[in-house]
Amino acid sequence: MSANAGARTKRADARRNEKTLLDAASAVFVASGVDAPVRDIAAKAGVGVGTIYRHFPTRADLIIAVYRHQVEACAEAGPKLLAENASPHAALAKWIDLFVDFLVTKHGLAGVMQSDHSGFETLHAYFLERLVPVCAELLAAANAAGEIRTDLEPVHLMRGVGNLCIGAEADARYDARQLAALLIAGLRQTA
């Protein structure tokens, strides 16, 4: 095996390991918030705490990486959900569930990045650039199928769902997904 092949394999392994860590951190952050102990993330990922710190030296590094990871997961999920679901409306509803999980984590990001306003703005621009077109595709498909009303801008739907998520991390009884599901059900075209 050449040195380059070994380096590529190691990089591929490192990418898989990082994805495993980010998936675990995403799940823990959704369940427990961004202040969840790193040991909980390590346990969920099946690694030691030191492994997390090797990949993400600070909590802010980890949270930002989870944010980007979740944006990419939401962006990639849209077309896949459209292909796999019986109706575009069902795909939209499932995508909104993923988006809600992301938003619950995102609310903790602002507190972490209080001192880095430009960094937060850059991440927000990235979020809009990646996710508004996906939401637009889902809405257009549901509209073309005659399943939903046609007078809604994607960014407005995303903002509405975002507003429904505010406070979810502070109250275990509050179910943002349930309210988002009501919003999506309300988009249905009526005869």
C-alpha atoms as a PDB file:
ATOM      1  CA  MET A   1       0.000   0.000   0.000  1.00  0.00           C
ATOM      2  CA  SER A   2       1.379   3.397  -0.952  1.00  0.00           C
ATOM      3  CA  ALA A   3       1.736   6.240   1.525  1.00  0.00           C
ATOM      4  CA  ASN A   4      -0.943   8.187  -0.361  1.00  0.00           C
ATOM      5  CA  ALA A   5      -3.410   5.290  -0.170  1.00  0.00           C
ATOM      6  CA  GLY A   6      -2.756   5.008   3.574  1.00  0.00           C
ATOM      7  CA  ALA A   7      -3.302   8.743   4.006  1.00  0.00           C
ATOM      8  CA  ARG A   8      -6.574   8.592   2.025  1.00  0.00           C
ATOM      9  CA  THR A   9      -7.781   5.660   4.151  1.00  0.00           C
ATOM     10  CA  LYS A  10      -6.883   7.485   7.329  1.00  0.00           C
ATOM     11  CA  ARG A  11      -8.665  10.621   6.133  1.00  0.00           C
ATOM     12  CA  ALA A  12     -11.743   8.536   5.248  1.00  0.00           C
ATOM     13  CA  ASP A  13     -11.618   6.897   8.698  1.00  0.00           C
ATOM     14  CA  ALA A  14     -11.193  10.282  10.355  1.00  0.00           C
ATOM     15  CA  ARG A  15     -14.200  11.622   8.419  1.00  0.00           C
ATOM     16  CA  ARG A  16     -16.321   8.634   9.486  1.00  0.00           C
ATOM     17  CA  ASN A  17     -15.205   9.078  13.100  1.00  0.00           C
ATOM     18  CA  GLU A  18     -16.032  12.768  12.987  1.00  0.00           C
ATOM     19  CA  LYS A  19     -19.474  12.004  11.498  1.00  0.00           C
ATOM     20  CA  THR A  20     -20.103   9.493  14.306  1.00  0.00           C
ATOM     21  CA  LEU A  21     -19.155  12.140  16.891  1.00  0.00           C
ATOM     22  CA  LEU A  22     -21.334  14.775  15.221  1.00  0.00           C
ATOM     23  CA  ASP A  23     -24.316  12.423  14.970  1.00  0.00           C
ATOM     24  CA  ALA A  24     -23.954  11.587  18.663  1.00  0.00           C
ATOM     25  CA  ALA A  25     -23.532  15.243  19.662  1.00  0.00           C
ATOM     26  CA  SER A  26     -26.564  16.216  17.563  1.00  0.00           C
ATOM     27  CA  ALA A  27     -28.721  13.608  19.288  1.00  0.00           C
ATOM     28  CA  VAL A  28     -27.508  14.608  22.759  1.00  0.00           C
ATOM     29  CA  PHE A  29     -27.949  18.335  22.034  1.00  0.00           C
ATOM     30  CA  VAL A  30     -31.498  17.779  20.766  1.00  0.00           C
ATOM     31  CA  ALA A  31     -32.359  15.726  23.862  1.00  0.00           C
ATOM     32  CA  SER A  32     -30.461  17.712  26.502  1.00  0.00           C
ATOM     33  CA  GLY A  33     -29.379  21.045  25.001  1.00  0.00           C
ATOM     34  CA  VAL A  34     -25.958  22.375  24.035  1.00  0.00           C
ATOM     35  CA  ASP A  35     -24.828  22.440  27.655  1.00  0.00           C
ATOM     36  CA  ALA A  36     -25.011  18.635  27.901  1.00  0.00           C
ATOM     37  CA  PRO A  37     -21.862  17.103  29.380  1.00  0.00           C
ATOM     38  CA  VAL A  38     -19.221  16.018  26.869  1.00  0.00           C
ATOM     39  CA  ARG A  39     -19.115  12.632  28.625  1.00  0.00           C
ATOM     40  CA  ASP A  40     -22.752  12.067  27.510  1.00  0.00           C
ATOM     41  CA  ILE A  41     -21.722  12.692  23.909  1.00  0.00           C
ATOM     42  CA  ALA A  42     -18.706  10.419  24.278  1.00  0.00           C
ATOM     43  CA  ALA A  43     -20.882   7.650  25.717  1.00  0.00           C
ATOM     44  CA  LYS A  44     -23.420   8.015  22.885  1.00  0.00           C
ATOM     45  CA  ALA A  45     -20.588   7.873  20.298  1.00  0.00           C
ATOM     46  CA  GLY A  46     -18.847   4.982  22.054  1.00  0.00           C
ATOM     47  CA  VAL A  47     -15.572   6.883  22.438  1.00  0.00           C
ATOM     48  CA  GLY A  48     -13.562   8.473  25.203  1.00  0.00           C
ATOM     49  CA  VAL A  49     -13.921  12.132  26.115  1.00  0.00           C
ATOM     50  CA  GLY A  50     -10.370  12.751  24.879  1.00  0.00           C
ATOM     51  CA  THR A  51     -11.389  11.703  21.372  1.00  0.00           C
ATOM     52  CA  ILE A  52     -13.993  14.455  21.283  1.00  0.00           C
ATOM     53  CA  TYR A  53     -11.484  17.057  22.448  1.00  0.00           C
ATOM     54  CA  ARG A  54      -8.986  15.893  19.809  1.00  0.00           C
ATOM     55  CA  HIS A  55     -11.562  16.616  17.113  1.00  0.00           C
ATOM     56  CA  PHE A  56     -13.161  19.659  18.778  1.00  0.00           C
ATOM     57  CA  PRO A  57     -10.863  21.463  21.254  1.00  0.00           C
ATOM     58  CA  THR A  58     -13.641  23.704  22.631  1.00  0.00           C
ATOM     59  CA  ARG A  59     -17.374  23.357  23.220  1.00  0.00           C
ATOM     60  CA  ALA A  60     -17.908  26.201  20.730  1.00  0.00           C
ATOM     61  CA  ASP A  61     -15.959  24.225  18.083  1.00  0.00           C
ATOM     62  CA  LEU A  62     -18.188  21.220  18.724  1.00  0.00           C
ATOM     63  CA  ILE A  63     -21.429  23.204  18.649  1.00  0.00           C
ATOM     64  CA  ILE A  64     -20.485  24.983  15.409  1.00  0.00           C
ATOM     65  CA  ALA A  65     -19.514  21.659  13.825  1.00  0.00           C
ATOM     66  CA  VAL A  66     -22.843  20.141  14.924  1.00  0.00           C
ATOM     67  CA  TYR A  67     -24.649  23.169  13.475  1.00  0.00           C
ATOM     68  CA  ARG A  68     -22.949  22.732  10.089  1.00  0.00           C
ATOM     69  CA  HIS A  69     -23.477  18.962  10.224  1.00  0.00           C
ATOM     70  CA  GLN A  70     -27.199  19.399  10.865  1.00  0.00           C
ATOM     71  CA  VAL A  71     -27.545  21.996   8.097  1.00  0.00           C
ATOM     72  CA  GLU A  72     -25.977  19.533   5.662  1.00  0.00           C
ATOM     73  CA  ALA A  73     -28.161  16.680   6.930  1.00  0.00           C
ATOM     74  CA  CYS A  74     -31.305  18.805   6.421  1.00  0.00           C
ATOM     75  CA  ALA A  75     -30.136  19.938   2.979  1.00  0.00           C
ATOM     76  CA  GLU A  76     -29.417  16.362   1.864  1.00  0.00           C
ATOM     77  CA  ALA A  77     -32.649  15.002   3.353  1.00  0.00           C
ATOM     78  CA  GLY A  78     -35.037  17.135   1.267  1.00  0.00           C
ATOM     79  CA  PRO A  79     -34.531  15.483  -2.140  1.00  0.00           C
ATOM     80  CA  LYS A  80     -34.224  12.048  -0.528  1.00  0.00           C
ATOM     81  CA  LEU A  81     -37.531  12.479   1.320  1.00  0.00           C
ATOM     82  CA  LEU A  82     -39.251  13.613  -1.884  1.00  0.00           C
ATOM     83  CA  ALA A  83     -38.057  10.460  -3.635  1.00  0.00           C
ATOM     84  CA  GLU A  84     -39.002   8.096  -0.788  1.00  0.00           C
ATOM     85  CA  ASN A  85     -42.433   9.368   0.290  1.00  0.00           C
ATOM     86  CA  ALA A  86     -45.848   8.767  -1.216  1.00  0.00           C
ATOM     87  CA  SER A  87     -46.597  12.481  -1.375  1.00  0.00           C
ATOM     88  CA  PRO A  88     -44.639  15.737  -1.365  1.00  0.00           C
ATOM     89  CA  HIS A  89     -46.689  16.891   1.637  1.00  0.00           C
ATOM     90  CA  ALA A  90     -45.528  13.825   3.607  1.00  0.00           C
ATOM     91  CA  ALA A  91     -41.925  14.574   2.560  1.00  0.00           C
ATOM     92  CA  LEU A  92     -42.342  18.182   3.711  1.00  0.00           C
ATOM     93  CA  ALA A  93     -43.730  17.053   7.083  1.00  0.00           C
ATOM     94  CA  LYS A  94     -40.796  14.698   7.652  1.00  0.00           C
ATOM     95  CA  TRP A  95     -38.310  17.376   6.604  1.00  0.00           C
ATOM     96  CA  ILE A  96     -39.872  19.827   9.052  1.00  0.00           C
ATOM     97  CA  ASP A  97     -39.320  17.254  11.848  1.00  0.00           C
ATOM     98  CA  LEU A  98     -35.599  17.211  10.987  1.00  0.00           C
ATOM     99  CA  PHE A  99     -35.598  20.994  10.794  1.00  0.00           C
ATOM    100  CA  VAL A 100     -37.177  21.235  14.267  1.00  0.00           C
ATOM    101  CA  ASP A 101     -34.408  19.035  15.718  1.00  0.00           C
ATOM    102  CA  PHE A 102     -31.860  21.315  14.095  1.00  0.00           C
ATOM    103  CA  LEU A 103     -33.553  24.467  15.381  1.00  0.00           C
ATOM    104  CA  VAL A 104     -33.641  23.235  18.971  1.00  0.00           C
ATOM    105  CA  THR A 105     -29.864  22.847  18.780  1.00  0.00           C
ATOM    106  CA  LYS A 106     -29.441  26.142  16.905  1.00  0.00           C
ATOM    107  CA  HIS A 107     -31.040  28.144  19.713  1.00  0.00           C
ATOM    108  CA  GLY A 108     -28.146  27.206  21.979  1.00  0.00           C
ATOM    109  CA  LEU A 109     -25.661  28.386  19.382  1.00  0.00           C
ATOM    110  CA  ALA A 110     -26.434  32.065  19.892  1.00  0.00           C
ATOM    111  CA  GLY A 111     -25.439  31.888  23.541  1.00  0.00           C
ATOM    112  CA  VAL A 112     -22.166  30.161  22.716  1.00  0.00           C
ATOM    113  CA  MET A 113     -21.256  32.732  20.074  1.00  0.00           C
ATOM    114  CA  GLN A 114     -22.271  35.897  21.944  1.00  0.00           C
ATOM    115  CA  SER A 115     -18.863  37.458  21.489  1.00  0.00           C
ATOM    116  CA  ASP A 116     -18.520  36.504  17.803  1.00  0.00           C
ATOM    117  CA  HIS A 117     -21.337  38.352  16.041  1.00  0.00           C
ATOM    118  CA  SER A 118     -19.704  38.127  12.593  1.00  0.00           C
ATOM    119  CA  GLY A 119     -19.130  34.374  13.029  1.00  0.00           C
ATOM    120  CA  PHE A 120     -22.783  33.899  13.923  1.00  0.00           C
ATOM    121  CA  GLU A 121     -23.875  35.975  10.914  1.00  0.00           C
ATOM    122  CA  THR A 122     -21.672  33.860   8.638  1.00  0.00           C
ATOM    123  CA  LEU A 123     -23.267  30.670   9.975  1.00  0.00           C
ATOM    124  CA  HIS A 124     -26.739  32.137   9.586  1.00  0.00           C
ATOM    125  CA  ALA A 125     -26.025  33.082   5.956  1.00  0.00           C
ATOM    126  CA  TYR A 126     -24.768  29.522   5.365  1.00  0.00           C
ATOM    127  CA  PHE A 127     -27.973  28.168   6.936  1.00  0.00           C
ATOM    128  CA  LEU A 128     -30.167  30.275   4.644  1.00  0.00           C
ATOM    129  CA  GLU A 129     -28.104  29.505   1.544  1.00  0.00           C
ATOM    130  CA  ARG A 130     -28.332  25.750   2.103  1.00  0.00           C
ATOM    131  CA  LEU A 131     -31.853  25.319   3.522  1.00  0.00           C
ATOM    132  CA  VAL A 132     -34.146  27.882   1.884  1.00  0.00           C
ATOM    133  CA  PRO A 133     -33.748  26.216  -1.556  1.00  0.00           C
ATOM    134  CA  VAL A 134     -34.533  22.795  -0.051  1.00  0.00           C
ATOM    135  CA  CYS A 135     -37.670  24.111   1.636  1.00  0.00           C
ATOM    136  CA  ALA A 136     -38.613  25.834  -1.632  1.00  0.00           C
ATOM    137  CA  GLU A 137     -38.226  22.538  -3.524  1.00  0.00           C
ATOM    138  CA  LEU A 138     -40.441  20.707  -1.036  1.00  0.00           C
ATOM    139  CA  LEU A 139     -43.095  23.440  -1.105  1.00  0.00           C
ATOM    140  CA  ALA A 140     -43.036  23.589  -4.918  1.00  0.00           C
ATOM    141  CA  ALA A 141     -43.473  19.814  -5.179  1.00  0.00           C
ATOM    142  CA  ALA A 142     -46.396  19.824  -2.724  1.00  0.00           C
ATOM    143  CA  ASN A 143     -47.902  22.790  -4.556  1.00  0.00           C
ATOM    144  CA  ALA A 144     -47.497  21.107  -7.975  1.00  0.00           C
ATOM    145  CA  ALA A 145     -49.253  18.028  -6.557  1.00  0.00           C
ATOM    146  CA  GLY A 146     -52.150  20.245  -5.459  1.00  0.00           C
ATOM    147  CA  GLU A 147     -51.572  19.345  -1.805  1.00  0.00           C
ATOM    148  CA  ILE A 148     -50.903  22.759  -0.252  1.00  0.00           C
ATOM    149  CA  ARG A 149     -51.792  26.406  -0.587  1.00  0.00           C
ATOM    150  CA  THR A 150     -49.571  28.437  -2.858  1.00  0.00           C
ATOM    151  CA  ASP A 151     -49.128  31.730  -1.034  1.00  0.00           C
ATOM    152  CA  LEU A 152     -46.282  30.864   1.326  1.00  0.00           C
ATOM    153  CA  GLU A 153     -42.624  31.830   0.948  1.00  0.00           C
ATOM    154  CA  PRO A 154     -40.129  29.159   2.064  1.00  0.00           C
ATOM    155  CA  VAL A 155     -38.245  31.532   4.350  1.00  0.00           C
ATOM    156  CA  HIS A 156     -41.516  32.543   6.030  1.00  0.00           C
ATOM    157  CA  LEU A 157     -42.420  28.917   6.716  1.00  0.00           C
ATOM    158  CA  MET A 158     -38.939  28.321   8.132  1.00  0.00           C
ATOM    159  CA  ARG A 159     -39.212  31.432  10.310  1.00  0.00           C
ATOM    160  CA  GLY A 160     -42.638  30.318  11.567  1.00  0.00           C
ATOM    161  CA  VAL A 161     -41.320  26.875  12.479  1.00  0.00           C
ATOM    162  CA  GLY A 162     -38.344  28.561  14.127  1.00  0.00           C
ATOM    163  CA  ASN A 163     -40.609  30.694  16.253  1.00  0.00           C
ATOM    164  CA  LEU A 164     -42.521  27.591  17.344  1.00  0.00           C
ATOM    165  CA  CYS A 165     -39.224  26.113  18.571  1.00  0.00           C
ATOM    166  CA  ILE A 166     -38.311  29.016  20.851  1.00  0.00           C
ATOM    167  CA  GLY A 167     -38.300  27.831  24.434  1.00  0.00           C
ATOM    168  CA  ALA A 168     -38.385  24.112  23.564  1.00  0.00           C
ATOM    169  CA  GLU A 169     -34.966  23.558  25.102  1.00  0.00           C
ATOM    170  CA  ALA A 170     -36.108  25.044  28.419  1.00  0.00           C
ATOM    171  CA  ASP A 171     -39.332  23.071  28.897  1.00  0.00           C
ATOM    172  CA  ALA A 172     -39.356  19.288  28.516  1.00  0.00           C
ATOM    173  CA  ARG A 173     -43.164  19.330  28.267  1.00  0.00           C
ATOM    174  CA  TYR A 174     -43.135  21.666  25.259  1.00  0.00           C
ATOM    175  CA  ASP A 175     -43.291  19.705  21.999  1.00  0.00           C
ATOM    176  CA  ALA A 176     -42.210  21.924  19.126  1.00  0.00           C
ATOM    177  CA  ARG A 177     -42.635  19.040  16.688  1.00  0.00           C
ATOM    178  CA  GLN A 178     -46.321  18.756  17.572  1.00  0.00           C
ATOM    179  CA  LEU A 179     -46.911  22.439  16.880  1.00  0.00           C
ATOM    180  CA  ALA A 180     -44.862  22.335  13.672  1.00  0.00           C
ATOM    181  CA  ALA A 181     -46.951  19.339  12.546  1.00  0.00           C
ATOM    182  CA  LEU A 182     -50.104  21.402  13.104  1.00  0.00           C
ATOM    183  CA  LEU A 183     -48.621  24.200  11.009  1.00  0.00           C
ATOM    184  CA  ILE A 184     -47.764  21.796   8.164  1.00  0.00           C
ATOM    185  CA  ALA A 185     -51.209  20.173   8.372  1.00  0.00           C
ATOM    186  CA  GLY A 186     -52.694  23.670   8.090  1.00  0.00           C
ATOM    187  CA  LEU A 187     -51.001  24.157   4.710  1.00  0.00           C
ATOM    188  CA  ARG A 188     -53.244  21.471   3.199  1.00  0.00           C
ATOM    189  CA  GLN A 189     -55.314  22.605   0.259  1.00  0.00           C
ATOM    190  CA  THR A 190     -58.999  22.636   1.125  1.00  0.00           C
ATOM    191  CA  ALA A 191     -61.651  21.810  -1.436  1.00  0.00           C
END
